[in-house]
């Protein structure tokens, strides 16, 4: 259950957006390919909601960094359903700290200039 820890971290508005991604992942995502380039696993994830387009999720095994070609995290600061599908398939039940943008946290404080 990746949603429970997220509900304690994110603000209500951001949590609802994240929850949409979590709920859409099992319905729309399917693994369609796997390759390995050095320490990086590249997984092809087909998205049924995007005209069966295949997105590439790259997961670095050393740095534990994961990226997706849809670039939702880079644009919005919220993990996409493709990455959620992969990390939940690997048994992770919490969001890795590097994917929690401080601007969306409940305990985010304003920093002095």
PDB file of N, CA and C in Angstrom:
ATOM      1  N   UNK A   1       0.837  -1.186   0.000  1.00  0.00           N
ATOM      2  CA  UNK A   1       0.000   0.000   0.000  1.00  0.00           C
ATOM      3  C   UNK A   1       0.880   1.247   0.000  1.00  0.00           C
ATOM      4  N   UNK A   2       1.117   1.789  -1.139  1.00  0.00           N
ATOM      5  CA  UNK A   2       1.935   2.982  -1.264  1.00  0.00           C
ATOM      6  C   UNK A   2       1.141   4.241  -0.905  1.00  0.00           C
ATOM      7  N   UNK A   3      -0.173   4.136  -0.881  1.00  0.00           N
ATOM      8  CA  UNK A   3      -1.025   5.295  -0.605  1.00  0.00           C
ATOM      9  C   UNK A   3      -0.979   5.739   0.858  1.00  0.00           C
ATOM     10  N   UNK A   4      -0.892   4.808   1.783  1.00  0.00           N
ATOM     11  CA  UNK A   4      -0.917   5.148   3.208  1.00  0.00           C
ATOM     12  C   UNK A   4       0.239   6.079   3.591  1.00  0.00           C
ATOM     13  N   UNK A   5       1.504   5.744   3.265  1.00  0.00           N
ATOM     14  CA  UNK A   5       2.581   6.682   3.599  1.00  0.00           C
ATOM     15  C   UNK A   5       2.454   8.006   2.845  1.00  0.00           C
ATOM     16  N   UNK A   6       1.951   7.966   1.616  1.00  0.00           N
ATOM     17  CA  UNK A   6       1.803   9.195   0.831  1.00  0.00           C
ATOM     18  C   UNK A   6       0.774  10.127   1.447  1.00  0.00           C
ATOM     19  N   UNK A   7      -0.266   9.571   2.048  1.00  0.00           N
ATOM     20  CA  UNK A   7      -1.296  10.413   2.663  1.00  0.00           C
ATOM     21  C   UNK A   7      -0.758  11.177   3.863  1.00  0.00           C
ATOM     22  N   UNK A   8       0.293  10.656   4.484  1.00  0.00           N
ATOM     23  CA  UNK A   8       0.888  11.329   5.640  1.00  0.00           C
ATOM     24  C   UNK A   8       1.908  12.381   5.215  1.00  0.00           C
ATOM     25  N   UNK A   9       2.395  12.286   3.992  1.00  0.00           N
ATOM     26  CA  UNK A   9       3.453  13.183   3.520  1.00  0.00           C
ATOM     27  C   UNK A   9       2.889  14.355   2.712  1.00  0.00           C
ATOM     28  N   UNK A  10       2.059  14.045   1.721  1.00  0.00           N
ATOM     29  CA  UNK A  10       1.585  15.055   0.783  1.00  0.00           C
ATOM     30  C   UNK A  10       0.434  15.886   1.346  1.00  0.00           C
ATOM     31  N   UNK A  11       0.275  17.095   0.791  1.00  0.00           N
ATOM     32  CA  UNK A  11      -0.908  17.890   1.092  1.00  0.00           C
ATOM     33  C   UNK A  11      -2.117  17.183   0.482  1.00  0.00           C
ATOM     34  N   UNK A  12      -3.316  17.576   0.895  1.00  0.00           N
ATOM     35  CA  UNK A  12      -4.521  16.885   0.416  1.00  0.00           C
ATOM     36  C   UNK A  12      -4.652  16.949  -1.104  1.00  0.00           C
ATOM     37  N   UNK A  13      -4.464  18.110  -1.675  1.00  0.00           N
ATOM     38  CA  UNK A  13      -4.619  18.271  -3.122  1.00  0.00           C
ATOM     39  C   UNK A  13      -3.630  17.410  -3.893  1.00  0.00           C
ATOM     40  N   UNK A  14      -2.385  17.433  -3.486  1.00  0.00           N
ATOM     41  CA  UNK A  14      -1.354  16.648  -4.169  1.00  0.00           C
ATOM     42  C   UNK A  14      -1.584  15.159  -3.941  1.00  0.00           C
ATOM     43  N   UNK A  15      -2.032  14.785  -2.745  1.00  0.00           N
ATOM     44  CA  UNK A  15      -2.299  13.378  -2.480  1.00  0.00           C
ATOM     45  C   UNK A  15      -3.384  12.845  -3.413  1.00  0.00           C
ATOM     46  N   UNK A  16      -4.432  13.622  -3.665  1.00  0.00           N
ATOM     47  CA  UNK A  16      -5.492  13.160  -4.564  1.00  0.00           C
ATOM     48  C   UNK A  16      -4.972  12.969  -5.981  1.00  0.00           C
ATOM     49  N   UNK A  17      -4.065  13.833  -6.434  1.00  0.00           N
ATOM     50  CA  UNK A  17      -3.456  13.650  -7.756  1.00  0.00           C
ATOM     51  C   UNK A  17      -2.594  12.384  -7.773  1.00  0.00           C
ATOM     52  N   UNK A  18      -1.822  12.183  -6.705  1.00  0.00           N
ATOM     53  CA  UNK A  18      -0.993  10.986  -6.591  1.00  0.00           C
ATOM     54  C   UNK A  18      -1.859   9.729  -6.551  1.00  0.00           C
ATOM     55  N   UNK A  19      -2.960   9.808  -5.804  1.00  0.00           N
ATOM     56  CA  UNK A  19      -3.868   8.661  -5.681  1.00  0.00           C
ATOM     57  C   UNK A  19      -4.471   8.282  -7.032  1.00  0.00           C
ATOM     58  N   UNK A  20      -4.752   9.262  -7.875  1.00  0.00           N
ATOM     59  CA  UNK A  20      -5.253   8.970  -9.227  1.00  0.00           C
ATOM     60  C   UNK A  20      -4.241   8.142 -10.007  1.00  0.00           C
ATOM     61  N   UNK A  21      -2.972   8.484  -9.876  1.00  0.00           N
ATOM     62  CA  UNK A  21      -1.917   7.740 -10.557  1.00  0.00           C
ATOM     63  C   UNK A  21      -1.807   6.309 -10.021  1.00  0.00           C
ATOM     64  N   UNK A  22      -1.906   6.174  -8.702  1.00  0.00           N
ATOM     65  CA  UNK A  22      -1.815   4.847  -8.080  1.00  0.00           C
ATOM     66  C   UNK A  22      -2.974   3.968  -8.527  1.00  0.00           C
ATOM     67  N   UNK A  23      -4.169   4.523  -8.565  1.00  0.00           N
ATOM     68  CA  UNK A  23      -5.346   3.745  -8.945  1.00  0.00           C
ATOM     69  C   UNK A  23      -5.372   3.422 -10.437  1.00  0.00           C
ATOM     70  N   UNK A  24      -4.783   4.286 -11.261  1.00  0.00           N
ATOM     71  CA  UNK A  24      -4.762   4.043 -12.703  1.00  0.00           C
ATOM     72  C   UNK A  24      -3.697   3.025 -13.107  1.00  0.00           C
ATOM     73  N   UNK A  25      -2.657   2.877 -12.297  1.00  0.00           N
ATOM     74  CA  UNK A  25      -1.535   2.004 -12.663  1.00  0.00           C
ATOM     75  C   UNK A  25      -1.944   0.570 -12.976  1.00  0.00           C
ATOM     76  N   UNK A  26      -2.675  -0.129 -12.092  1.00  0.00           N
ATOM     77  CA  UNK A  26      -2.996  -1.523 -12.430  1.00  0.00           C
ATOM     78  C   UNK A  26      -3.985  -1.672 -13.574  1.00  0.00           C
ATOM     79  N   UNK A  27      -4.782  -0.652 -13.828  1.00  0.00           N
ATOM     80  CA  UNK A  27      -5.785  -0.720 -14.890  1.00  0.00           C
ATOM     81  C   UNK A  27      -5.215  -0.425 -16.270  1.00  0.00           C
ATOM     82  N   UNK A  28      -4.209   0.453 -16.316  1.00  0.00           N
ATOM     83  CA  UNK A  28      -3.746   0.917 -17.623  1.00  0.00           C
ATOM     84  C   UNK A  28      -2.328   0.494 -17.994  1.00  0.00           C
ATOM     85  N   UNK A  29      -1.552   0.012 -17.042  1.00  0.00           N
ATOM     86  CA  UNK A  29      -0.140  -0.290 -17.322  1.00  0.00           C
ATOM     87  C   UNK A  29       0.117  -1.786 -17.458  1.00  0.00           C
ATOM     88  N   UNK A  30       0.989  -2.103 -18.382  1.00  0.00           N
ATOM     89  CA  UNK A  30       1.428  -3.483 -18.567  1.00  0.00           C
ATOM     90  C   UNK A  30       2.871  -3.466 -19.053  1.00  0.00           C
ATOM     91  N   UNK A  31       3.675  -4.369 -18.539  1.00  0.00           N
ATOM     92  CA  UNK A  31       5.078  -4.461 -18.942  1.00  0.00           C
ATOM     93  C   UNK A  31       5.142  -5.114 -20.320  1.00  0.00           C
ATOM     94  N   UNK A  32       5.840  -4.452 -21.244  1.00  0.00           N
ATOM     95  CA  UNK A  32       5.934  -4.953 -22.617  1.00  0.00           C
ATOM     96  C   UNK A  32       7.354  -5.176 -23.096  1.00  0.00           C
ATOM     97  N   UNK A  33       8.306  -5.061 -22.204  1.00  0.00           N
ATOM     98  CA  UNK A  33       9.677  -5.315 -22.617  1.00  0.00           C
ATOM     99  C   UNK A  33      10.635  -5.025 -21.483  1.00  0.00           C
ATOM    100  N   UNK A  34      11.791  -5.659 -21.559  1.00  0.00           N
ATOM    101  CA  UNK A  34      12.813  -5.465 -20.535  1.00  0.00           C
ATOM    102  C   UNK A  34      14.176  -5.600 -21.190  1.00  0.00           C
ATOM    103  N   UNK A  35      15.059  -4.667 -20.856  1.00  0.00           N
ATOM    104  CA  UNK A  35      16.438  -4.776 -21.307  1.00  0.00           C
ATOM    105  C   UNK A  35      17.340  -4.221 -20.212  1.00  0.00           C
ATOM    106  N   UNK A  36      18.615  -4.534 -20.315  1.00  0.00           N
ATOM    107  CA  UNK A  36      19.568  -4.104 -19.305  1.00  0.00           C
ATOM    108  C   UNK A  36      20.758  -3.484 -20.025  1.00  0.00           C
ATOM    109  N   UNK A  37      21.118  -2.264 -19.593  1.00  0.00           N
ATOM    110  CA  UNK A  37      22.279  -1.581 -20.141  1.00  0.00           C
ATOM    111  C   UNK A  37      23.192  -1.222 -18.980  1.00  0.00           C
ATOM    112  N   UNK A  38      24.165  -2.050 -18.715  1.00  0.00           N
ATOM    113  CA  UNK A  38      25.049  -1.846 -17.572  1.00  0.00           C
ATOM    114  C   UNK A  38      24.293  -2.020 -16.265  1.00  0.00           C
ATOM    115  N   UNK A  39      24.248  -0.969 -15.446  1.00  0.00           N
ATOM    116  CA  UNK A  39      23.541  -1.020 -14.167  1.00  0.00           C
ATOM    117  C   UNK A  39      22.106  -0.527 -14.273  1.00  0.00           C
ATOM    118  N   UNK A  40      21.652  -0.257 -15.477  1.00  0.00           N
ATOM    119  CA  UNK A  40      20.322   0.321 -15.672  1.00  0.00           C
ATOM    120  C   UNK A  40      19.376  -0.705 -16.287  1.00  0.00           C
ATOM    121  N   UNK A  41      18.245  -0.923 -15.601  1.00  0.00           N
ATOM    122  CA  UNK A  41      17.177  -1.756 -16.150  1.00  0.00           C
ATOM    123  C   UNK A  41      16.224  -0.839 -16.907  1.00  0.00           C
ATOM    124  N   UNK A  42      15.896  -1.203 -18.148  1.00  0.00           N
ATOM    125  CA  UNK A  42      14.965  -0.413 -18.952  1.00  0.00           C
ATOM    126  C   UNK A  42      13.736  -1.276 -19.199  1.00  0.00           C
ATOM    127  N   UNK A  43      12.612  -0.797 -18.672  1.00  0.00           N
ATOM    128  CA  UNK A  43      11.366  -1.541 -18.756  1.00  0.00           C
ATOM    129  C   UNK A  43      10.406  -0.783 -19.654  1.00  0.00           C
ATOM    130  N   UNK A  44       9.852  -1.454 -20.643  1.00  0.00           N
ATOM    131  CA  UNK A  44       8.828  -0.857 -21.499  1.00  0.00           C
ATOM    132  C   UNK A  44       7.466  -1.058 -20.851  1.00  0.00           C
ATOM    133  N   UNK A  45       6.772   0.035 -20.583  1.00  0.00           N
ATOM    134  CA  UNK A  45       5.455  -0.029 -19.943  1.00  0.00           C
ATOM    135  C   UNK A  45       4.419   0.525 -20.909  1.00  0.00           C
ATOM    136  N   UNK A  46       3.484  -0.322 -21.282  1.00  0.00           N
ATOM    137  CA  UNK A  46       2.415   0.091 -22.191  1.00  0.00           C
ATOM    138  C   UNK A  46       1.299   0.757 -21.391  1.00  0.00           C
ATOM    139  N   UNK A  47       0.821   1.891 -21.890  1.00  0.00           N
ATOM    140  CA  UNK A  47      -0.235   2.650 -21.228  1.00  0.00           C
ATOM    141  C   UNK A  47      -1.497   2.572 -22.077  1.00  0.00           C
ATOM    142  N   UNK A  48      -2.495   1.856 -21.595  1.00  0.00           N
ATOM    143  CA  UNK A  48      -3.737   1.667 -22.339  1.00  0.00           C
ATOM    144  C   UNK A  48      -4.519   2.965 -22.488  1.00  0.00           C
ATOM    145  N   UNK A  49      -4.367   3.897 -21.543  1.00  0.00           N
ATOM    146  CA  UNK A  49      -5.083   5.171 -21.618  1.00  0.00           C
ATOM    147  C   UNK A  49      -4.457   6.143 -22.604  1.00  0.00           C
ATOM    148  N   UNK A  50      -3.255   5.890 -23.053  1.00  0.00           N
ATOM    149  CA  UNK A  50      -2.548   6.766 -23.997  1.00  0.00           C
ATOM    150  C   UNK A  50      -2.402   6.065 -25.345  1.00  0.00           C
ATOM    151  N   UNK A  51      -3.467   5.500 -25.859  1.00  0.00           N
ATOM    152  CA  UNK A  51      -3.489   4.798 -27.150  1.00  0.00           C
ATOM    153  C   UNK A  51      -2.426   3.710 -27.225  1.00  0.00           C
ATOM    154  N   UNK A  52      -2.267   2.981 -26.126  1.00  0.00           N
ATOM    155  CA  UNK A  52      -1.332   1.854 -26.030  1.00  0.00           C
ATOM    156  C   UNK A  52       0.105   2.255 -26.345  1.00  0.00           C
ATOM    157  N   UNK A  53       0.463   3.474 -26.011  1.00  0.00           N
ATOM    158  CA  UNK A  53       1.826   3.958 -26.192  1.00  0.00           C
ATOM    159  C   UNK A  53       2.737   3.293 -25.168  1.00  0.00           C
ATOM    160  N   UNK A  54       3.960   3.026 -25.566  1.00  0.00           N
ATOM    161  CA  UNK A  54       4.918   2.380 -24.667  1.00  0.00           C
ATOM    162  C   UNK A  54       5.907   3.428 -24.153  1.00  0.00           C
ATOM    163  N   UNK A  55       5.978   3.543 -22.832  1.00  0.00           N
ATOM    164  CA  UNK A  55       6.906   4.458 -22.167  1.00  0.00           C
ATOM    165  C   UNK A  55       8.073   3.645 -21.615  1.00  0.00           C
ATOM    166  N   UNK A  56       9.256   4.232 -21.638  1.00  0.00           N
ATOM    167  CA  UNK A  56      10.456   3.556 -21.142  1.00  0.00           C
ATOM    168  C   UNK A  56      10.744   4.024 -19.722  1.00  0.00           C
ATOM    169  N   UNK A  57      10.759   3.099 -18.785  1.00  0.00           N
ATOM    170  CA  UNK A  57      11.107   3.394 -17.401  1.00  0.00           C
ATOM    171  C   UNK A  57      12.515   2.856 -17.178  1.00  0.00           C
ATOM    172  N   UNK A  58      13.441   3.759 -16.849  1.00  0.00           N
ATOM    173  CA  UNK A  58      14.839   3.382 -16.616  1.00  0.00           C
ATOM    174  C   UNK A  58      15.109   3.418 -15.120  1.00  0.00           C
ATOM    175  N   UNK A  59      15.606   2.304 -14.596  1.00  0.00           N
ATOM    176  CA  UNK A  59      15.876   2.209 -13.165  1.00  0.00           C
ATOM    177  C   UNK A  59      17.339   1.853 -12.965  1.00  0.00           C
ATOM    178  N   UNK A  60      18.085   2.788 -12.338  1.00  0.00           N
ATOM    179  CA  UNK A  60      19.494   2.581 -12.055  1.00  0.00           C
ATOM    180  C   UNK A  60      19.607   1.768 -10.766  1.00  0.00           C
ATOM    181  N   UNK A  61      20.255   0.617 -10.840  1.00  0.00           N
ATOM    182  CA  UNK A  61      20.348  -0.274  -9.682  1.00  0.00           C
ATOM    183  C   UNK A  61      21.322   0.216  -8.621  1.00  0.00           C
ATOM    184  N   UNK A  62      22.296   1.033  -8.991  1.00  0.00           N
ATOM    185  CA  UNK A  62      23.251   1.552  -8.010  1.00  0.00           C
ATOM    186  C   UNK A  62      22.693   2.753  -7.252  1.00  0.00           C
ATOM    187  N   UNK A  63      22.217   3.759  -7.997  1.00  0.00           N
ATOM    188  CA  UNK A  63      21.735   4.984  -7.354  1.00  0.00           C
ATOM    189  C   UNK A  63      20.261   4.908  -6.969  1.00  0.00           C
ATOM    190  N   UNK A  64      19.587   3.846  -7.392  1.00  0.00           N
ATOM    191  CA  UNK A  64      18.151   3.656  -7.122  1.00  0.00           C
ATOM    192  C   UNK A  64      17.302   4.774  -7.724  1.00  0.00           C
ATOM    193  N   UNK A  65      17.807   5.418  -8.763  1.00  0.00           N
ATOM    194  CA  UNK A  65      17.074   6.480  -9.440  1.00  0.00           C
ATOM    195  C   UNK A  65      16.235   5.883 -10.564  1.00  0.00           C
ATOM    196  N   UNK A  66      15.005   6.345 -10.678  1.00  0.00           N
ATOM    197  CA  UNK A  66      14.087   5.844 -11.691  1.00  0.00           C
ATOM    198  C   UNK A  66      13.536   7.020 -12.486  1.00  0.00           C
ATOM    199  N   UNK A  67      13.547   6.893 -13.814  1.00  0.00           N
ATOM    200  CA  UNK A  67      12.992   7.938 -14.672  1.00  0.00           C
ATOM    201  C   UNK A  67      12.048   7.310 -15.689  1.00  0.00           C
ATOM    202  N   UNK A  68      11.147   8.127 -16.198  1.00  0.00           N
ATOM    203  CA  UNK A  68      10.185   7.663 -17.203  1.00  0.00           C
ATOM    204  C   UNK A  68      10.176   8.657 -18.354  1.00  0.00           C
ATOM    205  N   UNK A  69       9.933   8.163 -19.551  1.00  0.00           N
ATOM    206  CA  UNK A  69       9.933   9.035 -20.716  1.00  0.00           C
ATOM    207  C   UNK A  69       8.706   9.945 -20.765  1.00  0.00           C
ATOM    208  N   UNK A  70       7.706   9.722 -19.936  1.00  0.00           N
ATOM    209  CA  UNK A  70       6.560  10.637 -19.901  1.00  0.00           C
ATOM    210  C   UNK A  70       6.904  11.927 -19.163  1.00  0.00           C
ATOM    211  N   UNK A  71       7.959  11.910 -18.333  1.00  0.00           N
ATOM    212  CA  UNK A  71       8.493  13.077 -17.628  1.00  0.00           C
ATOM    213  C   UNK A  71       7.490  13.750 -16.683  1.00  0.00           C
ATOM    214  N   UNK A  72       6.546  13.012 -16.149  1.00  0.00           N
ATOM    215  CA  UNK A  72       5.565  13.611 -15.238  1.00  0.00           C
ATOM    216  C   UNK A  72       6.216  14.102 -13.947  1.00  0.00           C
ATOM    217  N   UNK A  73       7.150  13.334 -13.409  1.00  0.00           N
ATOM    218  CA  UNK A  73       7.800  13.764 -12.175  1.00  0.00           C
ATOM    219  C   UNK A  73       8.587  15.052 -12.404  1.00  0.00           C
ATOM    220  N   UNK A  74       9.280  15.145 -13.511  1.00  0.00           N
ATOM    221  CA  UNK A  74      10.060  16.341 -13.804  1.00  0.00           C
ATOM    222  C   UNK A  74       9.160  17.566 -14.001  1.00  0.00           C
ATOM    223  N   UNK A  75       7.984  17.377 -14.586  1.00  0.00           N
ATOM    224  CA  UNK A  75       7.066  18.490 -14.830  1.00  0.00           C
ATOM    225  C   UNK A  75       6.234  18.862 -13.607  1.00  0.00           C
ATOM    226  N   UNK A  76       5.664  17.847 -12.912  1.00  0.00           N
ATOM    227  CA  UNK A  76       4.695  18.101 -11.843  1.00  0.00           C
ATOM    228  C   UNK A  76       5.205  17.808 -10.439  1.00  0.00           C
ATOM    229  N   UNK A  77       6.276  17.047 -10.320  1.00  0.00           N
ATOM    230  CA  UNK A  77       6.778  16.699  -9.001  1.00  0.00           C
ATOM    231  C   UNK A  77       6.041  15.536  -8.358  1.00  0.00           C
ATOM    232  N   UNK A  78       5.242  14.813  -9.148  1.00  0.00           N
ATOM    233  CA  UNK A  78       4.494  13.650  -8.663  1.00  0.00           C
ATOM    234  C   UNK A  78       4.884  12.455  -9.529  1.00  0.00           C
ATOM    235  N   UNK A  79       5.077  11.310  -8.906  1.00  0.00           N
ATOM    236  CA  UNK A  79       5.431  10.112  -9.676  1.00  0.00           C
ATOM    237  C   UNK A  79       4.305   9.725 -10.625  1.00  0.00           C
ATOM    238  N   UNK A  80       4.679   9.281 -11.808  1.00  0.00           N
ATOM    239  CA  UNK A  80       3.685   8.832 -12.791  1.00  0.00           C
ATOM    240  C   UNK A  80       3.280   7.388 -12.500  1.00  0.00           C
ATOM    241  N   UNK A  81       2.180   6.983 -13.112  1.00  0.00           N
ATOM    242  CA  UNK A  81       1.663   5.627 -12.899  1.00  0.00           C
ATOM    243  C   UNK A  81       2.619   4.565 -13.426  1.00  0.00           C
ATOM    244  N   UNK A  82       3.454   4.920 -14.413  1.00  0.00           N
ATOM    245  CA  UNK A  82       4.397   3.953 -14.972  1.00  0.00           C
ATOM    246  C   UNK A  82       5.477   3.597 -13.947  1.00  0.00           C
ATOM    247  N   UNK A  83       6.014   4.625 -13.281  1.00  0.00           N
ATOM    248  CA  UNK A  83       7.020   4.376 -12.242  1.00  0.00           C
ATOM    249  C   UNK A  83       6.379   3.700 -11.041  1.00  0.00           C
ATOM    250  N   UNK A  84       5.186   4.131 -10.668  1.00  0.00           N
ATOM    251  CA  UNK A  84       4.475   3.512  -9.538  1.00  0.00           C
ATOM    252  C   UNK A  84       4.251   2.032  -9.814  1.00  0.00           C
ATOM    253  N   UNK A  85       3.894   1.706 -11.043  1.00  0.00           N
ATOM    254  CA  UNK A  85       3.653   0.312 -11.431  1.00  0.00           C
ATOM    255  C   UNK A  85       4.922  -0.522 -11.262  1.00  0.00           C
ATOM    256  N   UNK A  86       6.059   0.042 -11.654  1.00  0.00           N
ATOM    257  CA  UNK A  86       7.334  -0.683 -11.568  1.00  0.00           C
ATOM    258  C   UNK A  86       7.784  -0.816 -10.121  1.00  0.00           C
ATOM    259  N   UNK A  87       7.762   0.267  -9.339  1.00  0.00           N
ATOM    260  CA  UNK A  87       8.258   0.176  -7.960  1.00  0.00           C
ATOM    261  C   UNK A  87       7.343  -0.662  -7.085  1.00  0.00           C
ATOM    262  N   UNK A  88       6.045  -0.643  -7.345  1.00  0.00           N
ATOM    263  CA  UNK A  88       5.160  -1.506  -6.544  1.00  0.00           C
ATOM    264  C   UNK A  88       5.329  -2.967  -6.952  1.00  0.00           C
ATOM    265  N   UNK A  89       5.674  -3.214  -8.215  1.00  0.00           N
ATOM    266  CA  UNK A  89       5.942  -4.574  -8.662  1.00  0.00           C
ATOM    267  C   UNK A  89       7.211  -5.144  -8.050  1.00  0.00           C
ATOM    268  N   UNK A  90       8.117  -4.265  -7.671  1.00  0.00           N
ATOM    269  CA  UNK A  90       9.356  -4.705  -7.020  1.00  0.00           C
ATOM    270  C   UNK A  90       9.210  -4.805  -5.507  1.00  0.00           C
ATOM    271  N   UNK A  91       8.010  -4.572  -5.004  1.00  0.00           N
ATOM    272  CA  UNK A  91       7.754  -4.774  -3.583  1.00  0.00           C
ATOM    273  C   UNK A  91       7.958  -3.558  -2.691  1.00  0.00           C
ATOM    274  N   UNK A  92       8.199  -2.380  -3.271  1.00  0.00           N
ATOM    275  CA  UNK A  92       8.338  -1.180  -2.450  1.00  0.00           C
ATOM    276  C   UNK A  92       6.953  -0.688  -2.036  1.00  0.00           C
ATOM    277  N   UNK A  93       6.795  -0.387  -0.764  1.00  0.00           N
ATOM    278  CA  UNK A  93       5.502   0.071  -0.263  1.00  0.00           C
ATOM    279  C   UNK A  93       5.570   1.487   0.284  1.00  0.00           C
ATOM    280  N   UNK A  94       6.599   2.219  -0.110  1.00  0.00           N
ATOM    281  CA  UNK A  94       6.704   3.623   0.261  1.00  0.00           C
ATOM    282  C   UNK A  94       7.389   4.363  -0.877  1.00  0.00           C
ATOM    283  N   UNK A  95       7.234   5.659  -0.876  1.00  0.00           N
ATOM    284  CA  UNK A  95       7.838   6.476  -1.915  1.00  0.00           C
ATOM    285  C   UNK A  95       9.295   6.744  -1.541  1.00  0.00           C
ATOM    286  N   UNK A  96      10.233   6.451  -2.441  1.00  0.00           N
ATOM    287  CA  UNK A  96      11.627   6.773  -2.143  1.00  0.00           C
ATOM    288  C   UNK A  96      11.789   8.269  -1.883  1.00  0.00           C
ATOM    289  N   UNK A  97      12.648   8.617  -0.941  1.00  0.00           N
ATOM    290  CA  UNK A  97      12.781  10.012  -0.495  1.00  0.00           C
ATOM    291  C   UNK A  97      13.150  10.974  -1.621  1.00  0.00           C
ATOM    292  N   UNK A  98      13.903  10.517  -2.601  1.00  0.00           N
ATOM    293  CA  UNK A  98      14.298  11.426  -3.672  1.00  0.00           C
ATOM    294  C   UNK A  98      13.122  11.826  -4.571  1.00  0.00           C
ATOM    295  N   UNK A  99      11.969  11.155  -4.411  1.00  0.00           N
ATOM    296  CA  UNK A  99      10.787  11.466  -5.217  1.00  0.00           C
ATOM    297  C   UNK A  99       9.700  12.179  -4.428  1.00  0.00           C
ATOM    298  N   UNK A 100      10.072  12.751  -3.311  1.00  0.00           N
ATOM    299  CA  UNK A 100       9.133  13.545  -2.529  1.00  0.00           C
ATOM    300  C   UNK A 100       9.598  14.995  -2.614  1.00  0.00           C
ATOM    301  N   UNK A 101       8.913  15.761  -3.434  1.00  0.00           N
ATOM    302  CA  UNK A 101       9.276  17.170  -3.592  1.00  0.00           C
ATOM    303  C   UNK A 101       8.839  17.937  -2.349  1.00  0.00           C
ATOM    304  N   UNK A 102       9.751  18.673  -1.766  1.00  0.00           N
ATOM    305  CA  UNK A 102       9.446  19.356  -0.500  1.00  0.00           C
ATOM    306  C   UNK A 102       8.313  20.368  -0.646  1.00  0.00           C
ATOM    307  N   UNK A 103       8.083  20.879  -1.845  1.00  0.00           N
ATOM    308  CA  UNK A 103       7.017  21.864  -2.027  1.00  0.00           C
ATOM    309  C   UNK A 103       5.626  21.255  -1.892  1.00  0.00           C
ATOM    310  N   UNK A 104       5.503  19.923  -1.973  1.00  0.00           N
ATOM    311  CA  UNK A 104       4.198  19.275  -1.862  1.00  0.00           C
ATOM    312  C   UNK A 104       3.960  18.643  -0.500  1.00  0.00           C
ATOM    313  N   UNK A 105       4.901  18.794   0.412  1.00  0.00           N
ATOM    314  CA  UNK A 105       4.782  18.155   1.716  1.00  0.00           C
ATOM    315  C   UNK A 105       3.901  18.959   2.674  1.00  0.00           C
ATOM    316  N   UNK A 106       3.206  18.246   3.564  1.00  0.00           N
ATOM    317  CA  UNK A 106       2.402  18.901   4.586  1.00  0.00           C
ATOM    318  C   UNK A 106       3.269  19.742   5.506  1.00  0.00           C
ATOM    319  N   UNK A 107       4.448  19.254   5.802  1.00  0.00           N
ATOM    320  CA  UNK A 107       5.328  19.922   6.751  1.00  0.00           C
ATOM    321  C   UNK A 107       6.335  20.834   6.072  1.00  0.00           C
ATOM    322  N   UNK A 108       5.973  21.330   4.918  1.00  0.00           N
ATOM    323  CA  UNK A 108       6.849  22.245   4.203  1.00  0.00           C
ATOM    324  C   UNK A 108       6.796  23.611   4.867  1.00  0.00           C
ATOM    325  N   UNK A 109       7.953  24.139   5.154  1.00  0.00           N
ATOM    326  CA  UNK A 109       8.035  25.436   5.806  1.00  0.00           C
ATOM    327  C   UNK A 109       8.677  26.435   4.866  1.00  0.00           C
ATOM    328  N   UNK A 110       8.274  27.657   5.003  1.00  0.00           N
ATOM    329  CA  UNK A 110       8.903  28.707   4.203  1.00  0.00           C
ATOM    330  C   UNK A 110      10.305  28.950   4.726  1.00  0.00           C
ATOM    331  N   UNK A 111      11.204  29.063   3.802  1.00  0.00           N
ATOM    332  CA  UNK A 111      12.596  29.309   4.168  1.00  0.00           C
ATOM    333  C   UNK A 111      12.879  30.796   4.002  1.00  0.00           C
ATOM    334  N   UNK A 112      13.678  31.375   4.906  1.00  0.00           N
ATOM    335  CA  UNK A 112      14.004  32.785   4.756  1.00  0.00           C
ATOM    336  C   UNK A 112      14.853  33.026   3.515  1.00  0.00           C
ATOM    337  N   UNK A 113      14.718  34.204   2.947  1.00  0.00           N
ATOM    338  CA  UNK A 113      15.473  34.556   1.741  1.00  0.00           C
ATOM    339  C   UNK A 113      16.901  34.895   2.079  1.00  0.00           C
TER     340      UNK A 113
END
